Amino acid sequence: MRILYICPDTGIDVLGRKGASVHVREMIAAFDRAGHDVDLVAPRLVKPGAEAAHVPANVVRVRVPDAVQDAKQRLDDWVARFVPDTSLPKDLRRMLYDAALDRELAARYETDPPDLIYVRASLLSTAGVGLAARTGAPLVVELNAPLADEQERYRAGALADLYRSVEGSLLTAADLVTVVSAPLRAYALGQGVDEGKLRVIPNGVDQRRFKPSLPSPSERARIGLPAGPLLGFVGGLRPWHGVERLPAVLARVHHQHPDTKLVIVGDGPLRAEIERSAVDHGVSDRTVFLGALDHRDIPTAIAAFDVALAPYPDLPHDFYYSPLKLFEYLACGTPTVASAVGQIAELITSGEHALLTAPGDLDAIAAACSRLLADPVLAGRLGRAGTELVHGRFTWDRNAAEVMAWCSLVG
């Protein structure tokens, strides 16, 4: 089958290191392993100077037109005089790019349509809807977050009604909508999606790479991993991950395990705050920032952690995430401490696959870490059970197979 995968988000470098970038490539790789040919269409590939990741697809870059960039910049300059913190200029770029992308898709694929159009939903984008209507190709839309809600809550969104209207138009036009969690299913239903067109498909792993291993000293040194017991975190340094409170956790663990260090893999706007917190808690000399590693190196980092952390706080909204880091931690057999929220609490049994704590409870997180560091038998048992769970149920191959099984039913 020939699949057209569209990622219209101007904020995602599809060949870069963001979690969303990894998700795009892993689904495409799973389609490829299943014998399908994939075209990947996106506006951005990789940041200047960065190494491009491999993806088994025919990559078609549809750039944001210069005229659209110019319009965005002129609006940016004007709006900044009055409201410096607004999404309006970027929203304009999204809208104008959506129209340009539809024209480009028509020119490239209308006379030679794909067998399936697969779209990663993006704010203010109806990518793929027009092409599907004109060619009759089935349209699958993958929804990873409540985009309209996120834009209003976290990014100074200025066009609430329009966000919802465009998002609803995309979702209701799809033949199948896949969502990564139960709260997102409820959100999609609220946007008017027919219940029969919805599937909950959590994130997954490539079990060929994310598996138990013992990194060699040279592998550890190559990516900057220190010696000693390690508490580890992988992900974006953003407020909804709870990572800014990990220096306080390390300070508590240090009382019982003084040689323990904290390793943070990832980057983001909270890095300076985390660095200050490490100083304030007297653990700056035991806190190591590795930055955003190449995804090929993430299994090595996770396998080297003695305890992996997913310390999500108590958020003022539904926990709609399907935490990629959690599946990768467990797949590698690394003992894990995570917050008992949302999909984590649904899929993970505390004491069987990992240790779960109340969100934001630093004392409980530290106690769970200390318990695992002191009890290698427990740590090993949890690690093995976590690997078995993820390898058996949560892989990209299974996710791709579920989408294709639906296609065979409607095809």
Protein backbone atom coordinates (compact mmCIF):
# COMPACT_ATOMS: atom_id res chain seq x y z
CA MET A 1 0.00 0.00 0.00
CA ARG A 2 1.13 3.54 -0.76
CA ILE A 3 0.68 5.83 2.25
CA LEU A 4 0.86 9.63 2.23
CA TYR A 5 1.90 10.77 5.72
CA ILE A 6 1.33 14.50 6.26
CA CYS A 7 2.85 16.37 9.20
CA PRO A 8 1.80 20.00 8.58
CA ASP A 9 3.04 21.38 11.92
CA THR A 10 5.53 24.21 11.31
CA GLY A 11 6.97 23.60 14.77
CA ILE A 12 8.03 19.98 14.18
CA ASP A 13 11.36 19.18 12.56
CA VAL A 14 10.39 15.73 11.32
CA LEU A 15 14.03 14.64 11.07
CA GLY A 16 14.97 16.29 14.38
CA ARG A 17 15.07 15.26 18.05
CA LYS A 18 11.73 16.35 19.52
CA GLY A 19 9.40 13.71 20.86
CA ALA A 20 6.87 14.56 18.17
CA SER A 21 9.57 14.10 15.52
CA VAL A 22 10.38 10.67 16.91
CA HIS A 23 6.70 9.72 16.89
CA VAL A 24 6.38 10.65 13.20
CA ARG A 25 9.45 8.62 12.19
CA GLU A 26 8.60 5.60 14.30
CA MET A 27 5.12 5.22 12.84
CA ILE A 28 6.54 5.57 9.34
CA ALA A 29 9.23 2.98 10.12
CA ALA A 30 6.53 0.60 11.37
CA PHE A 31 4.55 1.07 8.16
CA ASP A 32 7.74 0.41 6.20
CA ARG A 33 8.49 -2.79 8.13
CA ALA A 34 4.97 -3.96 7.30
CA GLY A 35 5.78 -3.61 3.60
CA HIS A 36 4.15 -0.28 2.78
CA ASP A 37 5.64 2.61 0.79
CA VAL A 38 5.43 6.00 2.49
CA ASP A 39 5.67 9.58 1.29
CA LEU A 40 6.31 12.03 4.15
CA VAL A 41 5.19 15.61 3.50
CA ALA A 42 6.22 18.30 6.00
CA PRO A 43 7.27 21.97 6.11
CA ARG A 44 10.35 21.45 8.29
CA LEU A 45 12.98 18.74 8.26
CA VAL A 46 15.81 19.58 10.67
CA LYS A 47 17.31 22.63 12.34
CA PRO A 48 20.21 24.28 10.48
CA GLY A 49 23.47 22.56 11.34
CA ALA A 50 21.83 19.57 13.01
CA GLU A 51 22.23 16.01 11.77
CA ALA A 52 19.12 14.71 10.03
CA ALA A 53 17.68 11.45 11.34
CA HIS A 54 16.87 8.66 8.93
CA VAL A 55 13.31 7.84 8.00
CA PRO A 56 12.35 5.10 5.51
CA ALA A 57 10.18 7.33 3.34
CA ASN A 58 10.22 9.52 0.29
CA VAL A 59 10.54 12.88 2.05
CA VAL A 60 8.78 15.81 0.37
CA ARG A 61 9.44 19.17 1.94
CA VAL A 62 6.71 21.72 1.26
CA ARG A 63 8.23 24.91 2.61
CA VAL A 64 6.30 27.79 4.09
CA PRO A 65 6.22 30.25 1.15
CA ASP A 66 8.38 33.37 1.49
CA ALA A 67 5.31 35.58 1.10
CA VAL A 68 3.69 33.80 4.08
CA GLN A 69 6.81 34.21 6.22
CA ASP A 70 6.94 37.88 5.27
CA ALA A 71 3.29 38.42 6.22
CA LYS A 72 3.88 36.69 9.55
CA GLN A 73 6.91 38.87 10.28
CA ARG A 74 5.12 42.12 9.39
CA LEU A 75 2.19 41.22 11.64
CA ASP A 76 4.65 40.20 14.37
CA ASP A 77 6.33 43.62 14.22
CA TRP A 78 3.02 45.47 14.34
CA VAL A 79 1.34 43.40 17.09
CA ALA A 80 4.43 43.58 19.31
CA ARG A 81 3.79 47.29 19.78
CA PHE A 82 0.59 46.51 21.65
CA VAL A 83 0.49 42.85 22.80
CA PRO A 84 3.99 41.34 22.92
CA ASP A 85 2.83 37.88 24.01
CA THR A 86 0.32 36.64 21.45
CA SER A 87 0.11 33.74 19.02
CA LEU A 88 -1.62 35.79 16.34
CA PRO A 89 1.34 36.13 13.90
CA LYS A 90 2.08 32.39 14.07
CA ASP A 91 -1.62 31.68 13.68
CA LEU A 92 -1.66 33.74 10.49
CA ARG A 93 1.28 31.72 9.18
CA ARG A 94 -0.53 28.47 10.00
CA MET A 95 -3.66 29.54 8.14
CA LEU A 96 -1.85 30.78 5.05
CA TYR A 97 0.37 27.70 4.99
CA ASP A 98 -2.67 25.42 5.20
CA ALA A 99 -3.99 26.89 1.95
CA ALA A 100 -0.57 26.68 0.27
CA LEU A 101 -0.12 23.07 1.38
CA ASP A 102 -3.53 22.07 0.01
CA ARG A 103 -2.55 23.48 -3.39
CA GLU A 104 0.77 21.63 -3.33
CA LEU A 105 -0.86 18.34 -2.32
CA ALA A 106 -3.33 18.69 -5.18
CA ALA A 107 -0.54 19.34 -7.68
CA ARG A 108 1.51 16.36 -6.51
CA TYR A 109 -1.09 13.71 -5.72
CA GLU A 110 -4.45 14.42 -7.31
CA THR A 111 -3.68 12.57 -10.55
CA ASP A 112 -1.71 9.83 -8.78
CA PRO A 113 -3.41 9.50 -5.38
CA PRO A 114 -2.12 7.42 -2.48
CA ASP A 115 -4.02 4.43 -1.12
CA LEU A 116 -4.20 6.04 2.32
CA ILE A 117 -3.77 9.59 3.66
CA TYR A 118 -2.44 9.67 7.23
CA VAL A 119 -2.34 13.08 8.93
CA ARG A 120 -0.80 14.13 12.22
CA ALA A 121 -3.31 16.71 13.43
CA SER A 122 -1.92 20.22 13.71
CA LEU A 123 -3.38 23.50 14.94
CA LEU A 124 -5.33 25.47 12.30
CA SER A 125 -4.68 22.83 9.68
CA THR A 126 -7.06 20.84 7.50
CA ALA A 127 -4.21 19.15 5.61
CA GLY A 128 -5.36 16.12 3.67
CA VAL A 129 -9.09 16.84 3.88
CA GLY A 130 -9.35 18.40 0.42
CA LEU A 131 -7.15 15.77 -1.21
CA ALA A 132 -9.15 12.94 0.37
CA ALA A 133 -12.44 14.47 -0.80
CA ARG A 134 -11.18 14.94 -4.35
CA THR A 135 -9.54 11.51 -4.73
CA GLY A 136 -11.66 9.27 -2.50
CA ALA A 137 -8.58 8.09 -0.57
CA PRO A 138 -9.33 7.09 3.04
CA LEU A 139 -8.26 9.71 5.59
CA VAL A 140 -6.79 8.76 8.97
CA VAL A 141 -6.13 11.57 11.46
CA GLU A 142 -3.86 11.01 14.46
CA LEU A 143 -4.63 13.30 17.43
CA ASN A 144 -1.93 13.55 20.08
CA ALA A 145 -3.29 16.43 22.17
CA PRO A 146 -6.35 18.68 22.50
CA LEU A 147 -4.76 21.23 20.20
CA ALA A 148 -7.24 24.06 20.68
CA ASP A 149 -7.14 23.71 24.47
CA GLU A 150 -3.34 23.58 24.56
CA GLN A 151 -2.99 26.68 22.45
CA GLU A 152 -5.24 28.68 24.77
CA ARG A 153 -3.71 27.31 27.97
CA TYR A 154 0.02 27.29 27.24
CA ARG A 155 0.72 29.46 24.20
CA ALA A 156 -1.27 32.70 24.54
CA GLY A 157 -3.75 31.57 21.90
CA ALA A 158 -5.76 34.46 20.47
CA LEU A 159 -8.38 32.74 18.29
CA ALA A 160 -10.16 30.23 20.51
CA ASP A 161 -13.34 29.83 18.45
CA LEU A 162 -11.38 29.43 15.22
CA TYR A 163 -9.01 26.85 16.74
CA ARG A 164 -11.96 24.69 17.75
CA SER A 165 -13.83 25.12 14.50
CA VAL A 166 -10.87 24.14 12.32
CA GLU A 167 -9.92 21.24 14.58
CA GLY A 168 -13.48 19.96 14.53
CA SER A 169 -13.59 20.25 10.75
CA LEU A 170 -10.46 18.12 10.40
CA LEU A 171 -11.54 15.47 12.88
CA THR A 172 -15.07 15.04 11.57
CA ALA A 173 -13.84 14.78 7.97
CA ALA A 174 -11.65 11.78 8.83
CA ASP A 175 -12.67 8.20 8.15
CA LEU A 176 -10.70 7.15 11.23
CA VAL A 177 -9.40 9.21 14.16
CA THR A 178 -6.74 7.66 16.36
CA VAL A 179 -6.09 9.20 19.77
CA VAL A 180 -3.39 8.29 22.27
CA SER A 181 -5.50 8.24 25.45
CA ALA A 182 -9.01 7.92 26.86
CA PRO A 183 -9.29 11.65 27.76
CA LEU A 184 -8.45 12.48 24.16
CA ARG A 185 -11.18 10.11 23.03
CA ALA A 186 -13.66 12.08 25.14
CA TYR A 187 -12.28 15.32 23.70
CA ALA A 188 -12.69 14.07 20.12
CA LEU A 189 -16.27 12.98 20.85
CA GLY A 190 -16.90 16.51 22.11
CA GLN A 191 -15.60 17.81 18.80
CA GLY A 192 -18.29 15.85 16.99
CA VAL A 193 -16.37 12.74 15.93
CA ASP A 194 -18.56 9.68 15.50
CA GLU A 195 -17.81 7.07 18.18
CA GLY A 196 -17.45 4.34 15.57
CA LYS A 197 -14.59 6.21 13.90
CA LEU A 198 -12.47 6.51 17.06
CA ARG A 199 -9.63 4.25 18.20
CA VAL A 200 -7.44 4.69 21.28
CA ILE A 201 -3.89 3.73 20.34
CA PRO A 202 -1.30 4.63 23.02
CA ASN A 203 2.28 5.45 22.13
CA GLY A 204 4.80 2.64 21.80
CA VAL A 205 8.43 1.70 21.28
CA ASP A 206 10.62 0.00 18.74
CA GLN A 207 11.32 -3.13 20.75
CA ARG A 208 14.37 -3.87 18.60
CA ARG A 209 16.15 -0.88 20.10
CA PHE A 210 14.45 -0.32 23.44
CA LYS A 211 15.30 -3.47 25.34
CA PRO A 212 17.33 -4.41 28.43
CA SER A 213 21.06 -3.94 27.98
CA LEU A 214 24.21 -3.11 29.93
CA PRO A 215 25.98 -0.12 28.32
CA SER A 216 29.75 -0.46 28.16
CA PRO A 217 32.02 2.16 29.80
CA SER A 218 32.88 3.51 26.37
CA GLU A 219 29.19 3.87 25.43
CA ARG A 220 28.50 5.70 28.67
CA ALA A 221 31.46 8.00 28.17
CA ARG A 222 30.50 8.77 24.58
CA ILE A 223 27.23 10.40 25.59
CA GLY A 224 28.54 11.89 28.84
CA LEU A 225 27.01 9.57 31.43
CA PRO A 226 28.73 9.78 34.83
CA ALA A 227 29.54 6.88 37.14
CA GLY A 228 27.60 6.06 40.26
CA PRO A 229 23.94 5.38 40.98
CA LEU A 230 21.86 7.46 38.58
CA LEU A 231 18.37 8.88 38.76
CA GLY A 232 17.41 9.72 35.18
CA PHE A 233 14.87 11.76 33.28
CA VAL A 234 14.28 11.91 29.50
CA GLY A 235 12.04 14.51 27.92
CA GLY A 236 11.36 18.15 27.24
CA LEU A 237 12.17 20.57 30.05
CA ARG A 238 8.67 21.98 30.25
CA PRO A 239 6.32 22.67 33.18
CA TRP A 240 3.87 19.81 32.60
CA HIS A 241 6.65 17.20 33.02
CA GLY A 242 7.52 18.10 36.63
CA VAL A 243 11.23 17.98 35.84
CA GLU A 244 11.96 21.30 37.58
CA ARG A 245 11.42 19.62 40.97
CA LEU A 246 13.90 16.81 40.49
CA PRO A 247 16.82 18.60 42.22
CA ALA A 248 14.66 18.65 45.36
CA VAL A 249 14.10 14.90 44.94
CA LEU A 250 17.83 14.28 44.58
CA ALA A 251 18.53 16.28 47.74
CA ARG A 252 16.15 14.02 49.66
CA VAL A 253 17.59 10.81 48.18
CA HIS A 254 21.12 12.00 48.95
CA HIS A 255 20.56 11.57 52.69
CA GLN A 256 20.39 7.78 52.28
CA HIS A 257 22.39 7.38 49.04
CA PRO A 258 25.06 10.09 49.00
CA ASP A 259 26.74 8.94 45.77
CA THR A 260 23.58 9.25 43.69
CA LYS A 261 23.49 11.66 40.75
CA LEU A 262 20.69 13.09 38.64
CA VAL A 263 20.95 12.88 34.84
CA ILE A 264 18.61 14.98 32.71
CA VAL A 265 18.33 14.16 29.01
CA GLY A 266 16.51 16.80 27.01
CA ASP A 267 16.28 20.54 26.64
CA GLY A 268 13.69 23.25 26.93
CA PRO A 269 12.71 26.55 28.55
CA LEU A 270 13.01 25.31 32.15
CA ARG A 271 16.70 24.46 31.99
CA ALA A 272 17.87 27.66 33.73
CA GLU A 273 15.26 27.19 36.46
CA ILE A 274 16.39 23.59 37.04
CA GLU A 275 20.02 24.71 37.22
CA ARG A 276 19.10 27.32 39.85
CA SER A 277 17.12 24.74 41.80
CA ALA A 278 20.12 22.38 41.80
CA VAL A 279 22.25 25.17 43.28
CA ASP A 280 19.60 26.07 45.85
CA HIS A 281 19.34 22.44 47.00
CA GLY A 282 23.10 21.93 47.12
CA VAL A 283 23.15 19.27 44.38
CA SER A 284 24.53 21.18 41.40
CA ASP A 285 27.72 19.10 41.46
CA ARG A 286 25.60 15.93 41.19
CA THR A 287 23.18 17.12 38.49
CA VAL A 288 24.22 16.38 34.91
CA PHE A 289 22.54 17.86 31.83
CA LEU A 290 23.14 15.86 28.67
CA GLY A 291 20.94 18.02 26.45
CA ALA A 292 18.85 16.67 23.60
CA LEU A 293 20.54 13.43 22.57
CA ASP A 294 20.13 11.75 19.23
CA HIS A 295 17.24 9.32 19.62
CA ARG A 296 19.59 6.48 18.71
CA ASP A 297 21.40 7.16 21.99
CA ILE A 298 18.32 7.26 24.21
CA PRO A 299 18.24 3.48 24.85
CA THR A 300 21.85 3.64 26.08
CA ALA A 301 21.04 6.48 28.47
CA ILE A 302 17.91 4.81 29.85
CA ALA A 303 19.63 1.46 30.28
CA ALA A 304 22.34 3.20 32.35
CA PHE A 305 19.84 4.73 34.78
CA ASP A 306 19.39 2.94 38.09
CA VAL A 307 15.98 4.60 38.43
CA ALA A 308 14.04 6.35 35.66
CA LEU A 309 11.66 9.17 36.57
CA ALA A 310 8.34 10.41 35.19
CA PRO A 311 7.39 12.93 37.93
CA TYR A 312 4.28 14.51 36.41
CA PRO A 313 2.69 17.18 38.66
CA ASP A 314 -0.97 17.59 39.52
CA LEU A 315 -2.16 19.44 36.40
CA PRO A 316 -5.20 21.76 36.19
CA HIS A 317 -6.66 19.68 33.33
CA ASP A 318 -7.12 16.08 32.26
CA PHE A 319 -3.90 14.11 31.87
CA TYR A 320 -4.40 13.39 28.17
CA TYR A 321 -0.79 12.39 27.46
CA SER A 322 0.50 8.99 26.45
CA PRO A 323 4.01 9.39 27.90
CA LEU A 324 6.55 8.14 25.39
CA LYS A 325 9.28 8.27 28.04
CA LEU A 326 7.39 5.83 30.26
CA PHE A 327 7.13 3.18 27.55
CA GLU A 328 10.81 3.61 26.68
CA TYR A 329 11.88 3.36 30.33
CA LEU A 330 9.93 0.16 30.89
CA ALA A 331 10.95 -1.38 27.57
CA CYS A 332 14.60 -1.02 28.60
CA GLY A 333 13.95 -2.83 31.87
CA THR A 334 14.87 0.23 33.94
CA PRO A 335 13.15 0.42 37.35
CA THR A 336 10.77 3.35 37.13
CA VAL A 337 9.10 5.81 39.49
CA ALA A 338 6.14 7.63 37.94
CA SER A 339 3.14 9.69 38.96
CA ALA A 340 -0.14 7.81 39.27
CA VAL A 341 -2.04 9.94 36.76
CA GLY A 342 -4.05 9.36 33.59
CA GLN A 343 -2.87 6.62 31.30
CA ILE A 344 0.04 5.79 33.63
CA ALA A 345 -2.36 4.72 36.38
CA GLU A 346 -4.56 2.92 33.83
CA LEU A 347 -1.82 0.78 32.32
CA ILE A 348 0.74 0.37 35.11
CA THR A 349 0.25 -1.55 38.34
CA SER A 350 2.31 -0.08 41.16
CA GLY A 351 4.57 -2.67 42.69
CA GLU A 352 4.27 -4.90 39.64
CA HIS A 353 5.60 -2.86 36.70
CA ALA A 354 6.88 0.28 38.44
CA LEU A 355 6.42 2.29 41.62
CA LEU A 356 3.72 4.94 41.34
CA THR A 357 3.34 7.98 43.59
CA ALA A 358 0.84 10.76 44.03
CA PRO A 359 1.58 13.56 41.56
CA GLY A 360 3.83 16.24 42.98
CA ASP A 361 4.61 14.34 46.21
CA LEU A 362 8.38 14.85 46.38
CA ASP A 363 8.79 12.90 49.60
CA ALA A 364 7.02 9.90 48.06
CA ILE A 365 9.09 10.13 44.88
CA ALA A 366 12.32 10.28 46.87
CA ALA A 367 11.23 7.38 49.09
CA ALA A 368 10.42 5.25 46.03
CA CYS A 369 13.82 6.04 44.49
CA SER A 370 15.62 5.16 47.73
CA ARG A 371 13.66 1.93 47.99
CA LEU A 372 14.72 0.84 44.50
CA LEU A 373 18.35 1.81 45.06
CA ALA A 374 18.40 -0.24 48.28
CA ASP A 375 16.57 -3.30 46.93
CA PRO A 376 18.10 -4.72 43.72
CA VAL A 377 15.79 -7.73 43.82
CA LEU A 378 12.71 -5.51 43.69
CA ALA A 379 14.32 -3.30 41.06
CA GLY A 380 15.09 -6.31 38.88
CA ARG A 381 11.61 -7.77 39.23
CA LEU A 382 9.93 -4.49 38.27
CA GLY A 383 12.32 -4.05 35.35
CA ARG A 384 11.55 -7.47 33.89
CA ALA A 385 7.80 -7.03 34.31
CA GLY A 386 7.91 -3.60 32.69
CA THR A 387 9.75 -4.92 29.66
CA GLU A 388 7.32 -7.79 29.26
CA LEU A 389 4.34 -5.42 29.45
CA VAL A 390 5.61 -2.92 26.88
CA HIS A 391 7.11 -5.39 24.43
CA GLY A 392 3.89 -7.37 24.50
CA ARG A 393 1.37 -4.54 24.16
CA PHE A 394 2.87 -1.17 23.29
CA THR A 395 4.98 -1.15 20.14
CA TRP A 396 4.91 0.96 16.99
CA ASP A 397 4.50 -2.22 14.95
CA ARG A 398 1.27 -3.06 16.79
CA ASN A 399 0.04 0.52 16.33
CA ALA A 400 0.70 0.46 12.59
CA ALA A 401 -0.92 -2.98 12.30
CA GLU A 402 -4.07 -1.70 14.01
CA VAL A 403 -4.37 1.17 11.54
CA MET A 404 -3.82 -1.15 8.59
CA ALA A 405 -6.33 -3.68 9.95
CA TRP A 406 -8.93 -0.93 9.86
CA CYS A 407 -7.91 -0.09 6.29
CA SER A 408 -8.42 -3.69 5.22
CA LEU A 409 -11.93 -3.63 6.67
CA VAL A 410 -12.97 -0.50 4.81
CA GLY A 411 -10.92 -1.23 1.68
